[in-house]
Protein backbone atom coordinates (compact mmCIF):
# COMPACT_ATOMS: atom_id res chain seq x y z
CA UNK A 1 0.00 0.00 0.00
CA UNK A 2 1.16 3.48 -0.87
CA UNK A 3 0.61 6.65 1.11
CA UNK A 4 -0.43 9.87 -0.60
CA UNK A 5 -0.61 13.36 0.81
CA UNK A 6 -4.21 14.09 -0.08
CA UNK A 7 -4.11 17.85 0.54
CA UNK A 8 -1.13 18.26 -1.77
CA UNK A 9 -2.84 16.28 -4.51
CA UNK A 10 -5.96 18.43 -4.21
CA UNK A 11 -3.88 21.62 -4.29
CA UNK A 12 -1.96 20.36 -7.33
CA UNK A 13 -5.21 19.56 -9.15
CA UNK A 14 -7.00 22.69 -7.90
CA UNK A 15 -7.81 24.25 -11.29
CA UNK A 16 -9.34 21.00 -12.56
CA UNK A 17 -11.16 20.25 -9.30
CA UNK A 18 -12.57 23.77 -9.12
CA UNK A 19 -13.95 23.51 -12.65
CA UNK A 20 -15.35 20.01 -12.13
CA UNK A 21 -17.01 20.96 -8.84
CA UNK A 22 -18.74 23.86 -10.57
CA UNK A 23 -19.92 21.60 -13.43
CA UNK A 24 -21.17 19.05 -10.89
CA UNK A 25 -23.16 21.57 -8.85
CA UNK A 26 -24.66 23.10 -11.99
CA UNK A 27 -25.65 19.60 -13.10
CA UNK A 28 -27.61 18.83 -9.95
CA UNK A 29 -28.78 22.33 -9.01
CA UNK A 30 -28.79 24.43 -12.15
CA UNK A 31 -30.83 27.20 -10.53
CA UNK A 32 -28.26 27.84 -7.78
CA UNK A 33 -25.76 30.69 -8.01
CA UNK A 34 -22.29 29.46 -7.10
CA UNK A 35 -18.87 30.97 -6.72
CA UNK A 36 -16.60 28.19 -7.97
CA UNK A 37 -13.61 29.51 -6.00
CA UNK A 38 -15.53 29.60 -2.71
CA UNK A 39 -16.96 26.16 -3.45
CA UNK A 40 -13.47 24.76 -3.99
CA UNK A 41 -12.14 26.39 -0.82
CA UNK A 42 -15.01 24.86 1.18
CA UNK A 43 -14.35 21.48 -0.46
CA UNK A 44 -10.64 21.65 0.40
CA UNK A 45 -11.40 22.64 4.02
CA UNK A 46 -13.84 19.76 4.39
CA UNK A 47 -11.26 17.32 3.03
CA UNK A 48 -8.79 18.62 5.62
CA UNK A 49 -11.41 18.27 8.35
CA UNK A 50 -12.69 14.82 7.45
CA UNK A 51 -9.69 13.01 5.96
CA UNK A 52 -6.21 12.19 7.17
CA UNK A 53 -3.32 14.26 5.81
CA UNK A 54 -1.75 11.05 4.56
CA UNK A 55 -4.13 8.47 3.12
CA UNK A 56 -3.21 4.88 2.35
CA UNK A 57 -4.23 3.72 -1.11
CA UNK A 58 -3.68 0.45 -2.95
CA UNK A 59 -0.45 0.36 -4.96
CA UNK A 60 -2.41 -0.15 -8.19
CA UNK A 61 -3.62 3.47 -7.88
CA UNK A 62 -0.11 4.89 -7.80
CA UNK A 63 2.32 5.04 -10.72
CA UNK A 64 5.86 6.00 -9.84
CA UNK A 65 6.56 7.01 -13.44
């Protein structure tokens, strides 16, 4: 099993995650006004609050390349 620093991965993928979160919310609640930056910040804070800094994942999900 590999360990990944979840917060760092989220920060690294922030532009993509922010865009995808906005698309997701618009898909399920199209009538809601959202600020995609604030949504992402709330998402990141909730990950920090509810997940470990280092998460163990199966090796098949990690490529050292």
